[in-house]
């Protein structure tokens, strides 16, 4: 059935995007000197225990919604503050944060939409 095929493709694409998105953010923050390790990224950016990011990577799991929301909130908050700075180097970092914020927010919203599609495809349960 084409409906089942499309549901499977949407779910797979979303899974890759969610996992890759967090990895890309970590690598970009590391590249611009705002993060030095997975442990630091986990505690300071995802709001989780230091081993969380390494653990989900090794198990092939996606980050929790709470961790992704923490990341989006921090990127937005710091991005807004830094982009208003009088120092060009901080403005540049702030603009990078806001770019990452937009990408992560899109992934988070797409994830919510994908979850709705999975429910529509009969692959999940509605929790009330």
PDB file of N, CA and C in Angstrom:
ATOM      1  N   UNK A   1       0.844  -1.188   0.000  1.00  0.00           N
ATOM      2  CA  UNK A   1       0.000   0.000   0.000  1.00  0.00           C
ATOM      3  C   UNK A   1       0.891   1.253   0.000  1.00  0.00           C
ATOM      4  N   UNK A   2       0.559   2.197  -0.835  1.00  0.00           N
ATOM      5  CA  UNK A   2       1.359   3.426  -0.938  1.00  0.00           C
ATOM      6  C   UNK A   2       1.351   4.208   0.374  1.00  0.00           C
ATOM      7  N   UNK A   3       0.242   4.189   1.087  1.00  0.00           N
ATOM      8  CA  UNK A   3       0.147   4.891   2.367  1.00  0.00           C
ATOM      9  C   UNK A   3       1.171   4.328   3.367  1.00  0.00           C
ATOM     10  N   UNK A   4       1.285   3.033   3.452  1.00  0.00           N
ATOM     11  CA  UNK A   4       2.245   2.383   4.349  1.00  0.00           C
ATOM     12  C   UNK A   4       3.667   2.710   3.929  1.00  0.00           C
ATOM     13  N   UNK A   5       3.932   2.683   2.631  1.00  0.00           N
ATOM     14  CA  UNK A   5       5.267   3.006   2.121  1.00  0.00           C
ATOM     15  C   UNK A   5       5.641   4.440   2.488  1.00  0.00           C
ATOM     16  N   UNK A   6       4.739   5.376   2.250  1.00  0.00           N
ATOM     17  CA  UNK A   6       5.021   6.783   2.567  1.00  0.00           C
ATOM     18  C   UNK A   6       5.231   6.982   4.059  1.00  0.00           C
ATOM     19  N   UNK A   7       4.444   6.315   4.866  1.00  0.00           N
ATOM     20  CA  UNK A   7       4.613   6.412   6.322  1.00  0.00           C
ATOM     21  C   UNK A   7       6.004   5.940   6.731  1.00  0.00           C
ATOM     22  N   UNK A   8       6.446   4.842   6.156  1.00  0.00           N
ATOM     23  CA  UNK A   8       7.762   4.298   6.486  1.00  0.00           C
ATOM     24  C   UNK A   8       8.866   5.246   6.045  1.00  0.00           C
ATOM     25  N   UNK A   9       8.749   5.827   4.869  1.00  0.00           N
ATOM     26  CA  UNK A   9       9.763   6.761   4.356  1.00  0.00           C
ATOM     27  C   UNK A   9       9.828   8.026   5.204  1.00  0.00           C
ATOM     28  N   UNK A  10       8.694   8.578   5.587  1.00  0.00           N
ATOM     29  CA  UNK A  10       8.664   9.775   6.437  1.00  0.00           C
ATOM     30  C   UNK A  10       9.328   9.474   7.772  1.00  0.00           C
ATOM     31  N   UNK A  11       9.010   8.339   8.364  1.00  0.00           N
ATOM     32  CA  UNK A  11       9.573   7.978   9.662  1.00  0.00           C
ATOM     33  C   UNK A  11      11.084   7.818   9.571  1.00  0.00           C
ATOM     34  N   UNK A  12      11.590   7.148   8.551  1.00  0.00           N
ATOM     35  CA  UNK A  12      13.033   6.915   8.395  1.00  0.00           C
ATOM     36  C   UNK A  12      13.783   8.226   8.164  1.00  0.00           C
ATOM     37  N   UNK A  13      13.246   9.077   7.311  1.00  0.00           N
ATOM     38  CA  UNK A  13      13.889  10.370   7.049  1.00  0.00           C
ATOM     39  C   UNK A  13      13.935  11.217   8.317  1.00  0.00           C
ATOM     40  N   UNK A  14      12.845  11.185   9.072  1.00  0.00           N
ATOM     41  CA  UNK A  14      12.798  11.961  10.306  1.00  0.00           C
ATOM     42  C   UNK A  14      13.796  11.437  11.326  1.00  0.00           C
ATOM     43  N   UNK A  15      13.928  10.141  11.442  1.00  0.00           N
ATOM     44  CA  UNK A  15      14.873   9.547  12.392  1.00  0.00           C
ATOM     45  C   UNK A  15      16.304   9.977  12.068  1.00  0.00           C
ATOM     46  N   UNK A  16      16.661   9.918  10.779  1.00  0.00           N
ATOM     47  CA  UNK A  16      18.004  10.343  10.372  1.00  0.00           C
ATOM     48  C   UNK A  16      18.219  11.820  10.655  1.00  0.00           C
ATOM     49  N   UNK A  17      17.214  12.652  10.420  1.00  0.00           N
ATOM     50  CA  UNK A  17      17.340  14.082  10.627  1.00  0.00           C
ATOM     51  C   UNK A  17      17.510  14.409  12.109  1.00  0.00           C
ATOM     52  N   UNK A  18      16.743  13.758  12.960  1.00  0.00           N
ATOM     53  CA  UNK A  18      16.828  14.031  14.388  1.00  0.00           C
ATOM     54  C   UNK A  18      18.198  13.672  14.943  1.00  0.00           C
ATOM     55  N   UNK A  19      18.680  12.495  14.615  1.00  0.00           N
ATOM     56  CA  UNK A  19      19.974  12.054  15.122  1.00  0.00           C
ATOM     57  C   UNK A  19      21.095  12.901  14.544  1.00  0.00           C
ATOM     58  N   UNK A  20      21.060  13.153  13.242  1.00  0.00           N
ATOM     59  CA  UNK A  20      22.096  13.930  12.591  1.00  0.00           C
ATOM     60  C   UNK A  20      22.105  15.375  13.032  1.00  0.00           C
ATOM     61  N   UNK A  21      20.938  15.921  13.328  1.00  0.00           N
ATOM     62  CA  UNK A  21      20.833  17.318  13.710  1.00  0.00           C
ATOM     63  C   UNK A  21      21.606  17.597  14.990  1.00  0.00           C
ATOM     64  N   UNK A  22      21.443  16.762  15.996  1.00  0.00           N
ATOM     65  CA  UNK A  22      22.154  16.952  17.261  1.00  0.00           C
ATOM     66  C   UNK A  22      23.660  16.810  17.046  1.00  0.00           C
ATOM     67  N   UNK A  23      24.049  15.846  16.228  1.00  0.00           N
ATOM     68  CA  UNK A  23      25.469  15.655  15.936  1.00  0.00           C
ATOM     69  C   UNK A  23      26.048  16.878  15.234  1.00  0.00           C
ATOM     70  N   UNK A  24      25.301  17.432  14.275  1.00  0.00           N
ATOM     71  CA  UNK A  24      25.767  18.616  13.563  1.00  0.00           C
ATOM     72  C   UNK A  24      25.905  19.815  14.494  1.00  0.00           C
ATOM     73  N   UNK A  25      24.973  19.973  15.403  1.00  0.00           N
ATOM     74  CA  UNK A  25      25.046  21.081  16.369  1.00  0.00           C
ATOM     75  C   UNK A  25      26.277  20.910  17.248  1.00  0.00           C
ATOM     76  N   UNK A  26      26.493  19.704  17.752  1.00  0.00           N
ATOM     77  CA  UNK A  26      27.676  19.447  18.581  1.00  0.00           C
ATOM     78  C   UNK A  26      28.949  19.792  17.815  1.00  0.00           C
ATOM     79  N   UNK A  27      29.057  19.307  16.586  1.00  0.00           N
ATOM     80  CA  UNK A  27      30.266  19.557  15.794  1.00  0.00           C
ATOM     81  C   UNK A  27      30.452  21.047  15.503  1.00  0.00           C
ATOM     82  N   UNK A  28      29.368  21.754  15.221  1.00  0.00           N
ATOM     83  CA  UNK A  28      29.469  23.193  14.939  1.00  0.00           C
ATOM     84  C   UNK A  28      29.872  23.971  16.192  1.00  0.00           C
ATOM     85  N   UNK A  29      29.280  23.649  17.332  1.00  0.00           N
ATOM     86  CA  UNK A  29      29.657  24.325  18.581  1.00  0.00           C
ATOM     87  C   UNK A  29      31.118  24.048  18.922  1.00  0.00           C
ATOM     88  N   UNK A  30      31.537  22.839  18.666  1.00  0.00           N
ATOM     89  CA  UNK A  30      32.935  22.481  18.898  1.00  0.00           C
ATOM     90  C   UNK A  30      33.846  23.268  17.944  1.00  0.00           C
ATOM     91  N   UNK A  31      33.447  23.350  16.706  1.00  0.00           N
ATOM     92  CA  UNK A  31      34.235  24.055  15.693  1.00  0.00           C
ATOM     93  C   UNK A  31      34.439  25.529  16.043  1.00  0.00           C
ATOM     94  N   UNK A  32      33.410  26.176  16.582  1.00  0.00           N
ATOM     95  CA  UNK A  32      33.526  27.610  16.902  1.00  0.00           C
ATOM     96  C   UNK A  32      34.013  27.850  18.329  1.00  0.00           C
ATOM     97  N   UNK A  33      34.431  26.790  19.011  1.00  0.00           N
ATOM     98  CA  UNK A  33      35.034  26.935  20.327  1.00  0.00           C
ATOM     99  C   UNK A  33      34.059  27.135  21.473  1.00  0.00           C
ATOM    100  N   UNK A  34      32.808  26.758  21.276  1.00  0.00           N
ATOM    101  CA  UNK A  34      31.793  26.950  22.309  1.00  0.00           C
ATOM    102  C   UNK A  34      31.513  25.680  23.100  1.00  0.00           C
ATOM    103  N   UNK A  35      32.186  24.613  22.717  1.00  0.00           N
ATOM    104  CA  UNK A  35      31.983  23.325  23.360  1.00  0.00           C
ATOM    105  C   UNK A  35      33.241  22.497  23.102  1.00  0.00           C
ATOM    106  N   UNK A  36      33.724  21.809  24.124  1.00  0.00           N
ATOM    107  CA  UNK A  36      34.972  21.064  23.949  1.00  0.00           C
ATOM    108  C   UNK A  36      34.800  19.544  23.990  1.00  0.00           C
ATOM    109  N   UNK A  37      33.697  19.060  24.533  1.00  0.00           N
ATOM    110  CA  UNK A  37      33.528  17.614  24.666  1.00  0.00           C
ATOM    111  C   UNK A  37      32.051  17.237  24.630  1.00  0.00           C
ATOM    112  N   UNK A  38      31.798  15.963  24.405  1.00  0.00           N
ATOM    113  CA  UNK A  38      30.421  15.473  24.440  1.00  0.00           C
ATOM    114  C   UNK A  38      29.819  15.639  25.834  1.00  0.00           C
ATOM    115  N   UNK A  39      30.642  15.433  26.854  1.00  0.00           N
ATOM    116  CA  UNK A  39      30.162  15.596  28.232  1.00  0.00           C
ATOM    117  C   UNK A  39      29.710  17.023  28.490  1.00  0.00           C
ATOM    118  N   UNK A  40      30.524  17.986  28.063  1.00  0.00           N
ATOM    119  CA  UNK A  40      30.167  19.392  28.249  1.00  0.00           C
ATOM    120  C   UNK A  40      28.910  19.732  27.447  1.00  0.00           C
ATOM    121  N   UNK A  41      28.853  19.272  26.201  1.00  0.00           N
ATOM    122  CA  UNK A  41      27.683  19.515  25.360  1.00  0.00           C
ATOM    123  C   UNK A  41      26.425  18.970  26.025  1.00  0.00           C
ATOM    124  N   UNK A  42      26.528  17.778  26.559  1.00  0.00           N
ATOM    125  CA  UNK A  42      25.375  17.142  27.190  1.00  0.00           C
ATOM    126  C   UNK A  42      24.883  17.927  28.394  1.00  0.00           C
ATOM    127  N   UNK A  43      25.794  18.289  29.280  1.00  0.00           N
ATOM    128  CA  UNK A  43      25.363  18.966  30.504  1.00  0.00           C
ATOM    129  C   UNK A  43      24.971  20.422  30.254  1.00  0.00           C
ATOM    130  N   UNK A  44      25.730  21.127  29.418  1.00  0.00           N
ATOM    131  CA  UNK A  44      25.475  22.555  29.230  1.00  0.00           C
ATOM    132  C   UNK A  44      24.443  22.876  28.160  1.00  0.00           C
ATOM    133  N   UNK A  45      24.317  22.045  27.152  1.00  0.00           N
ATOM    134  CA  UNK A  45      23.428  22.350  26.037  1.00  0.00           C
ATOM    135  C   UNK A  45      22.165  21.489  26.017  1.00  0.00           C
ATOM    136  N   UNK A  46      22.294  20.226  26.422  1.00  0.00           N
ATOM    137  CA  UNK A  46      21.113  19.347  26.428  1.00  0.00           C
ATOM    138  C   UNK A  46      20.444  19.273  27.796  1.00  0.00           C
ATOM    139  N   UNK A  47      21.149  19.761  28.825  1.00  0.00           N
ATOM    140  CA  UNK A  47      20.584  19.741  30.169  1.00  0.00           C
ATOM    141  C   UNK A  47      20.455  18.341  30.740  1.00  0.00           C
ATOM    142  N   UNK A  48      21.394  17.468  30.392  1.00  0.00           N
ATOM    143  CA  UNK A  48      21.360  16.072  30.829  1.00  0.00           C
ATOM    144  C   UNK A  48      22.654  15.699  31.539  1.00  0.00           C
ATOM    145  N   UNK A  49      22.677  14.503  32.107  1.00  0.00           N
ATOM    146  CA  UNK A  49      23.897  13.976  32.729  1.00  0.00           C
ATOM    147  C   UNK A  49      24.991  13.862  31.665  1.00  0.00           C
ATOM    148  N   UNK A  50      26.238  13.966  32.089  1.00  0.00           N
ATOM    149  CA  UNK A  50      27.362  14.005  31.158  1.00  0.00           C
ATOM    150  C   UNK A  50      27.435  12.815  30.202  1.00  0.00           C
ATOM    151  N   UNK A  51      26.989  11.658  30.622  1.00  0.00           N
ATOM    152  CA  UNK A  51      27.104  10.461  29.780  1.00  0.00           C
ATOM    153  C   UNK A  51      25.926  10.285  28.805  1.00  0.00           C
ATOM    154  N   UNK A  52      24.926  11.129  28.899  1.00  0.00           N
ATOM    155  CA  UNK A  52      23.691  10.970  28.115  1.00  0.00           C
ATOM    156  C   UNK A  52      23.952  10.913  26.602  1.00  0.00           C
ATOM    157  N   UNK A  53      24.662  11.883  26.061  1.00  0.00           N
ATOM    158  CA  UNK A  53      24.882  11.963  24.615  1.00  0.00           C
ATOM    159  C   UNK A  53      25.669  10.753  24.117  1.00  0.00           C
ATOM    160  N   UNK A  54      26.724  10.395  24.822  1.00  0.00           N
ATOM    161  CA  UNK A  54      27.514   9.220  24.432  1.00  0.00           C
ATOM    162  C   UNK A  54      26.643   7.961  24.473  1.00  0.00           C
ATOM    163  N   UNK A  55      25.802   7.866  25.482  1.00  0.00           N
ATOM    164  CA  UNK A  55      24.950   6.700  25.649  1.00  0.00           C
ATOM    165  C   UNK A  55      23.950   6.549  24.505  1.00  0.00           C
ATOM    166  N   UNK A  56      23.259   7.631  24.156  1.00  0.00           N
ATOM    167  CA  UNK A  56      22.273   7.518  23.073  1.00  0.00           C
ATOM    168  C   UNK A  56      22.952   7.264  21.732  1.00  0.00           C
ATOM    169  N   UNK A  57      24.151   7.827  21.555  1.00  0.00           N
ATOM    170  CA  UNK A  57      24.881   7.565  20.309  1.00  0.00           C
ATOM    171  C   UNK A  57      25.255   6.088  20.197  1.00  0.00           C
ATOM    172  N   UNK A  58      25.778   5.543  21.279  1.00  0.00           N
ATOM    173  CA  UNK A  58      26.234   4.146  21.227  1.00  0.00           C
ATOM    174  C   UNK A  58      25.071   3.171  21.056  1.00  0.00           C
ATOM    175  N   UNK A  59      23.891   3.549  21.530  1.00  0.00           N
ATOM    176  CA  UNK A  59      22.722   2.675  21.430  1.00  0.00           C
ATOM    177  C   UNK A  59      21.877   2.965  20.190  1.00  0.00           C
ATOM    178  N   UNK A  60      22.258   3.995  19.444  1.00  0.00           N
ATOM    179  CA  UNK A  60      21.505   4.340  18.242  1.00  0.00           C
ATOM    180  C   UNK A  60      20.146   4.943  18.534  1.00  0.00           C
ATOM    181  N   UNK A  61      20.004   5.570  19.695  1.00  0.00           N
ATOM    182  CA  UNK A  61      18.736   6.178  20.087  1.00  0.00           C
ATOM    183  C   UNK A  61      18.702   7.654  19.717  1.00  0.00           C
ATOM    184  N   UNK A  62      17.508   8.181  19.586  1.00  0.00           N
ATOM    185  CA  UNK A  62      17.389   9.612  19.335  1.00  0.00           C
ATOM    186  C   UNK A  62      17.300  10.356  20.667  1.00  0.00           C
ATOM    187  N   UNK A  63      17.726  11.605  20.680  1.00  0.00           N
ATOM    188  CA  UNK A  63      17.641  12.399  21.915  1.00  0.00           C
ATOM    189  C   UNK A  63      16.180  12.592  22.327  1.00  0.00           C
ATOM    190  N   UNK A  64      15.967  12.708  23.617  1.00  0.00           N
ATOM    191  CA  UNK A  64      14.604  12.919  24.120  1.00  0.00           C
ATOM    192  C   UNK A  64      14.094  14.285  23.666  1.00  0.00           C
ATOM    193  N   UNK A  65      12.786  14.420  23.662  1.00  0.00           N
ATOM    194  CA  UNK A  65      12.168  15.707  23.328  1.00  0.00           C
ATOM    195  C   UNK A  65      12.653  16.767  24.312  1.00  0.00           C
ATOM    196  N   UNK A  66      12.731  16.410  25.584  1.00  0.00           N
ATOM    197  CA  UNK A  66      13.183  17.374  26.590  1.00  0.00           C
ATOM    198  C   UNK A  66      14.604  17.868  26.301  1.00  0.00           C
ATOM    199  N   UNK A  67      15.501  16.965  25.927  1.00  0.00           N
ATOM    200  CA  UNK A  67      16.877  17.358  25.605  1.00  0.00           C
ATOM    201  C   UNK A  67      16.897  18.273  24.386  1.00  0.00           C
ATOM    202  N   UNK A  68      16.091  17.949  23.382  1.00  0.00           N
ATOM    203  CA  UNK A  68      16.041  18.780  22.175  1.00  0.00           C
ATOM    204  C   UNK A  68      15.430  20.148  22.467  1.00  0.00           C
ATOM    205  N   UNK A  69      14.410  20.190  23.320  1.00  0.00           N
ATOM    206  CA  UNK A  69      13.813  21.478  23.705  1.00  0.00           C
ATOM    207  C   UNK A  69      14.827  22.309  24.494  1.00  0.00           C
ATOM    208  N   UNK A  70      15.576  21.668  25.384  1.00  0.00           N
ATOM    209  CA  UNK A  70      16.620  22.385  26.126  1.00  0.00           C
ATOM    210  C   UNK A  70      17.638  23.008  25.174  1.00  0.00           C
ATOM    211  N   UNK A  71      18.045  22.243  24.169  1.00  0.00           N
ATOM    212  CA  UNK A  71      19.012  22.733  23.193  1.00  0.00           C
ATOM    213  C   UNK A  71      18.453  23.913  22.409  1.00  0.00           C
ATOM    214  N   UNK A  72      17.242  23.777  21.920  1.00  0.00           N
ATOM    215  CA  UNK A  72      16.602  24.847  21.147  1.00  0.00           C
ATOM    216  C   UNK A  72      16.481  26.114  21.994  1.00  0.00           C
ATOM    217  N   UNK A  73      16.060  25.968  23.237  1.00  0.00           N
ATOM    218  CA  UNK A  73      15.886  27.129  24.115  1.00  0.00           C
ATOM    219  C   UNK A  73      17.212  27.839  24.377  1.00  0.00           C
ATOM    220  N   UNK A  74      18.258  27.071  24.622  1.00  0.00           N
ATOM    221  CA  UNK A  74      19.564  27.672  24.904  1.00  0.00           C
ATOM    222  C   UNK A  74      20.125  28.368  23.662  1.00  0.00           C
ATOM    223  N   UNK A  75      20.014  27.716  22.512  1.00  0.00           N
ATOM    224  CA  UNK A  75      20.489  28.342  21.281  1.00  0.00           C
ATOM    225  C   UNK A  75      19.764  29.653  21.005  1.00  0.00           C
ATOM    226  N   UNK A  76      18.456  29.668  21.218  1.00  0.00           N
ATOM    227  CA  UNK A  76      17.680  30.888  20.974  1.00  0.00           C
ATOM    228  C   UNK A  76      18.061  31.982  21.954  1.00  0.00           C
ATOM    229  N   UNK A  77      18.096  31.645  23.235  1.00  0.00           N
ATOM    230  CA  UNK A  77      18.393  32.637  24.258  1.00  0.00           C
ATOM    231  C   UNK A  77      19.776  33.264  24.058  1.00  0.00           C
ATOM    232  N   UNK A  78      20.787  32.429  23.919  1.00  0.00           N
ATOM    233  CA  UNK A  78      22.135  32.960  23.724  1.00  0.00           C
ATOM    234  C   UNK A  78      22.272  33.656  22.379  1.00  0.00           C
ATOM    235  N   UNK A  79      21.639  33.099  21.359  1.00  0.00           N
ATOM    236  CA  UNK A  79      21.689  33.723  20.036  1.00  0.00           C
ATOM    237  C   UNK A  79      21.109  35.120  20.044  1.00  0.00           C
ATOM    238  N   UNK A  80      19.970  35.289  20.675  1.00  0.00           N
ATOM    239  CA  UNK A  80      19.343  36.618  20.755  1.00  0.00           C
ATOM    240  C   UNK A  80      20.235  37.595  21.518  1.00  0.00           C
ATOM    241  N   UNK A  81      20.770  37.146  22.641  1.00  0.00           N
ATOM    242  CA  UNK A  81      21.621  38.023  23.453  1.00  0.00           C
ATOM    243  C   UNK A  81      22.921  38.380  22.747  1.00  0.00           C
ATOM    244  N   UNK A  82      23.603  37.381  22.206  1.00  0.00           N
ATOM    245  CA  UNK A  82      24.893  37.631  21.560  1.00  0.00           C
ATOM    246  C   UNK A  82      24.737  38.464  20.293  1.00  0.00           C
ATOM    247  N   UNK A  83      23.676  38.236  19.534  1.00  0.00           N
ATOM    248  CA  UNK A  83      23.511  38.961  18.274  1.00  0.00           C
ATOM    249  C   UNK A  83      23.255  40.449  18.494  1.00  0.00           C
ATOM    250  N   UNK A  84      22.922  40.839  19.701  1.00  0.00           N
ATOM    251  CA  UNK A  84      22.695  42.252  20.043  1.00  0.00           C
ATOM    252  C   UNK A  84      23.942  42.921  20.621  1.00  0.00           C
ATOM    253  N   UNK A  85      25.022  42.188  20.696  1.00  0.00           N
ATOM    254  CA  UNK A  85      26.248  42.691  21.308  1.00  0.00           C
ATOM    255  C   UNK A  85      26.896  43.786  20.460  1.00  0.00           C
ATOM    256  N   UNK A  86      27.705  44.580  21.109  1.00  0.00           N
ATOM    257  CA  UNK A  86      28.476  45.595  20.379  1.00  0.00           C
ATOM    258  C   UNK A  86      29.780  45.010  19.841  1.00  0.00           C
ATOM    259  N   UNK A  87      30.088  43.781  20.213  1.00  0.00           N
ATOM    260  CA  UNK A  87      31.325  43.123  19.789  1.00  0.00           C
ATOM    261  C   UNK A  87      31.051  42.203  18.602  1.00  0.00           C
ATOM    262  N   UNK A  88      31.695  42.480  17.471  1.00  0.00           N
ATOM    263  CA  UNK A  88      31.438  41.680  16.262  1.00  0.00           C
ATOM    264  C   UNK A  88      31.649  40.174  16.453  1.00  0.00           C
ATOM    265  N   UNK A  89      32.624  39.781  17.255  1.00  0.00           N
ATOM    266  CA  UNK A  89      32.860  38.344  17.443  1.00  0.00           C
ATOM    267  C   UNK A  89      31.674  37.684  18.146  1.00  0.00           C
ATOM    268  N   UNK A  90      31.061  38.381  19.097  1.00  0.00           N
ATOM    269  CA  UNK A  90      29.879  37.838  19.777  1.00  0.00           C
ATOM    270  C   UNK A  90      28.665  37.829  18.852  1.00  0.00           C
ATOM    271  N   UNK A  91      28.549  38.861  18.022  1.00  0.00           N
ATOM    272  CA  UNK A  91      27.445  38.906  17.053  1.00  0.00           C
ATOM    273  C   UNK A  91      27.545  37.716  16.107  1.00  0.00           C
ATOM    274  N   UNK A  92      28.751  37.405  15.665  1.00  0.00           N
ATOM    275  CA  UNK A  92      28.954  36.266  14.764  1.00  0.00           C
ATOM    276  C   UNK A  92      28.551  34.958  15.439  1.00  0.00           C
ATOM    277  N   UNK A  93      28.960  34.772  16.684  1.00  0.00           N
ATOM    278  CA  UNK A  93      28.573  33.567  17.435  1.00  0.00           C
ATOM    279  C   UNK A  93      27.053  33.539  17.614  1.00  0.00           C
ATOM    280  N   UNK A  94      26.479  34.692  17.956  1.00  0.00           N
ATOM    281  CA  UNK A  94      25.028  34.778  18.131  1.00  0.00           C
ATOM    282  C   UNK A  94      24.274  34.396  16.874  1.00  0.00           C
ATOM    283  N   UNK A  95      24.766  34.853  15.736  1.00  0.00           N
ATOM    284  CA  UNK A  95      24.119  34.509  14.464  1.00  0.00           C
ATOM    285  C   UNK A  95      24.237  33.016  14.166  1.00  0.00           C
ATOM    286  N   UNK A  96      25.362  32.426  14.532  1.00  0.00           N
ATOM    287  CA  UNK A  96      25.521  30.970  14.372  1.00  0.00           C
ATOM    288  C   UNK A  96      24.529  30.237  15.258  1.00  0.00           C
ATOM    289  N   UNK A  97      24.398  30.689  16.503  1.00  0.00           N
ATOM    290  CA  UNK A  97      23.424  30.079  17.419  1.00  0.00           C
ATOM    291  C   UNK A  97      22.014  30.169  16.846  1.00  0.00           C
ATOM    292  N   UNK A  98      21.659  31.336  16.293  1.00  0.00           N
ATOM    293  CA  UNK A  98      20.308  31.501  15.757  1.00  0.00           C
ATOM    294  C   UNK A  98      20.081  30.619  14.527  1.00  0.00           C
ATOM    295  N   UNK A  99      21.101  30.444  13.716  1.00  0.00           N
ATOM    296  CA  UNK A  99      20.996  29.539  12.566  1.00  0.00           C
ATOM    297  C   UNK A  99      20.759  28.111  13.056  1.00  0.00           C
ATOM    298  N   UNK A 100      21.540  27.683  14.036  1.00  0.00           N
ATOM    299  CA  UNK A 100      21.375  26.333  14.597  1.00  0.00           C
ATOM    300  C   UNK A 100      20.015  26.193  15.275  1.00  0.00           C
ATOM    301  N   UNK A 101      19.586  27.247  15.953  1.00  0.00           N
ATOM    302  CA  UNK A 101      18.265  27.266  16.595  1.00  0.00           C
ATOM    303  C   UNK A 101      17.169  26.982  15.567  1.00  0.00           C
ATOM    304  N   UNK A 102      17.228  27.678  14.434  1.00  0.00           N
ATOM    305  CA  UNK A 102      16.215  27.489  13.390  1.00  0.00           C
ATOM    306  C   UNK A 102      16.203  26.066  12.866  1.00  0.00           C
ATOM    307  N   UNK A 103      17.388  25.507  12.648  1.00  0.00           N
ATOM    308  CA  UNK A 103      17.474  24.136  12.138  1.00  0.00           C
ATOM    309  C   UNK A 103      16.945  23.134  13.160  1.00  0.00           C
ATOM    310  N   UNK A 104      17.298  23.340  14.425  1.00  0.00           N
ATOM    311  CA  UNK A 104      16.837  22.415  15.476  1.00  0.00           C
ATOM    312  C   UNK A 104      15.336  22.541  15.707  1.00  0.00           C
ATOM    313  N   UNK A 105      14.835  23.754  15.659  1.00  0.00           N
ATOM    314  CA  UNK A 105      13.394  23.953  15.837  1.00  0.00           C
ATOM    315  C   UNK A 105      12.632  23.281  14.703  1.00  0.00           C
ATOM    316  N   UNK A 106      13.114  23.431  13.473  1.00  0.00           N
ATOM    317  CA  UNK A 106      12.476  22.755  12.337  1.00  0.00           C
ATOM    318  C   UNK A 106      12.451  21.245  12.555  1.00  0.00           C
ATOM    319  N   UNK A 107      13.594  20.692  12.986  1.00  0.00           N
ATOM    320  CA  UNK A 107      13.669  19.245  13.214  1.00  0.00           C
ATOM    321  C   UNK A 107      12.709  18.821  14.320  1.00  0.00           C
ATOM    322  N   UNK A 108      12.607  19.625  15.369  1.00  0.00           N
ATOM    323  CA  UNK A 108      11.715  19.314  16.487  1.00  0.00           C
ATOM    324  C   UNK A 108      10.257  19.335  16.040  1.00  0.00           C
ATOM    325  N   UNK A 109       9.888  20.348  15.262  1.00  0.00           N
ATOM    326  CA  UNK A 109       8.513  20.435  14.770  1.00  0.00           C
ATOM    327  C   UNK A 109       8.214  19.329  13.765  1.00  0.00           C
ATOM    328  N   UNK A 110       9.184  19.012  12.916  1.00  0.00           N
ATOM    329  CA  UNK A 110       8.999  17.902  11.976  1.00  0.00           C
ATOM    330  C   UNK A 110       8.842  16.578  12.709  1.00  0.00           C
ATOM    331  N   UNK A 111       9.560  16.444  13.822  1.00  0.00           N
ATOM    332  CA  UNK A 111       9.438  15.237  14.629  1.00  0.00           C
ATOM    333  C   UNK A 111       8.018  15.097  15.180  1.00  0.00           C
ATOM    334  N   UNK A 112       7.477  16.206  15.661  1.00  0.00           N
ATOM    335  CA  UNK A 112       6.104  16.173  16.181  1.00  0.00           C
ATOM    336  C   UNK A 112       5.126  15.810  15.064  1.00  0.00           C
ATOM    337  N   UNK A 113       5.353  16.362  13.871  1.00  0.00           N
ATOM    338  CA  UNK A 113       4.497  16.051  12.729  1.00  0.00           C
ATOM    339  C   UNK A 113       4.647  14.586  12.338  1.00  0.00           C
ATOM    340  N   UNK A 114       5.879  14.093  12.363  1.00  0.00           N
ATOM    341  CA  UNK A 114       6.136  12.696  12.036  1.00  0.00           C
ATOM    342  C   UNK A 114       5.447  11.761  13.026  1.00  0.00           C
ATOM    343  N   UNK A 115       5.490  12.148  14.313  1.00  0.00           N
ATOM    344  CA  UNK A 115       4.802  11.339  15.321  1.00  0.00           C
ATOM    345  C   UNK A 115       3.308  11.283  15.035  1.00  0.00           C
ATOM    346  N   UNK A 116       2.743  12.394  14.563  1.00  0.00           N
ATOM    347  CA  UNK A 116       1.322  12.421  14.224  1.00  0.00           C
ATOM    348  C   UNK A 116       1.045  11.509  13.024  1.00  0.00           C
ATOM    349  N   UNK A 117       1.972  11.515  12.053  1.00  0.00           N
ATOM    350  CA  UNK A 117       1.818  10.631  10.886  1.00  0.00           C
ATOM    351  C   UNK A 117       1.891   9.178  11.317  1.00  0.00           C
ATOM    352  N   UNK A 118       2.826   8.866  12.234  1.00  0.00           N
ATOM    353  CA  UNK A 118       2.935   7.485  12.714  1.00  0.00           C
ATOM    354  C   UNK A 118       1.642   7.045  13.392  1.00  0.00           C
ATOM    355  N   UNK A 119       1.026   7.950  14.148  1.00  0.00           N
ATOM    356  CA  UNK A 119      -0.249   7.615  14.773  1.00  0.00           C
ATOM    357  C   UNK A 119      -1.300   7.354  13.702  1.00  0.00           C
ATOM    358  N   UNK A 120      -1.267   8.195  12.661  1.00  0.00           N
ATOM    359  CA  UNK A 120      -2.209   8.034  11.559  1.00  0.00           C
ATOM    360  C   UNK A 120      -1.979   6.713  10.832  1.00  0.00           C
ATOM    361  N   UNK A 121      -0.730   6.274  10.793  1.00  0.00           N
ATOM    362  CA  UNK A 121      -0.388   5.024  10.116  1.00  0.00           C
ATOM    363  C   UNK A 121      -0.608   3.821  11.021  1.00  0.00           C
ATOM    364  N   UNK A 122      -1.053   4.066  12.226  1.00  0.00           N
ATOM    365  CA  UNK A 122      -1.327   2.963  13.147  1.00  0.00           C
ATOM    366  C   UNK A 122      -0.094   2.390  13.795  1.00  0.00           C
ATOM    367  N   UNK A 123       1.003   3.175  13.842  1.00  0.00           N
ATOM    368  CA  UNK A 123       2.246   2.668  14.418  1.00  0.00           C
ATOM    369  C   UNK A 123       2.468   3.106  15.864  1.00  0.00           C
ATOM    370  N   UNK A 124       1.578   3.848  16.428  1.00  0.00           N
ATOM    371  CA  UNK A 124       1.761   4.317  17.786  1.00  0.00           C
ATOM    372  C   UNK A 124       0.465   4.299  18.540  1.00  0.00           C
ATOM    373  N   UNK A 125       0.564   4.671  19.781  1.00  0.00           N
ATOM    374  CA  UNK A 125      -0.632   4.743  20.612  1.00  0.00           C
ATOM    375  C   UNK A 125      -0.821   6.169  21.065  1.00  0.00           C
ATOM    376  N   UNK A 126      -2.056   6.573  21.099  1.00  0.00           N
ATOM    377  CA  UNK A 126      -2.378   7.905  21.596  1.00  0.00           C
ATOM    378  C   UNK A 126      -2.467   7.827  23.107  1.00  0.00           C
ATOM    379  N   UNK A 127      -1.662   8.635  23.771  1.00  0.00           N
ATOM    380  CA  UNK A 127      -1.681   8.664  25.239  1.00  0.00           C
ATOM    381  C   UNK A 127      -2.455   9.890  25.678  1.00  0.00           C
ATOM    382  N   UNK A 128      -3.453   9.655  26.493  1.00  0.00           N
ATOM    383  CA  UNK A 128      -4.283  10.776  26.953  1.00  0.00           C
ATOM    384  C   UNK A 128      -3.969  11.132  28.378  1.00  0.00           C
TER     385      UNK A 128
END
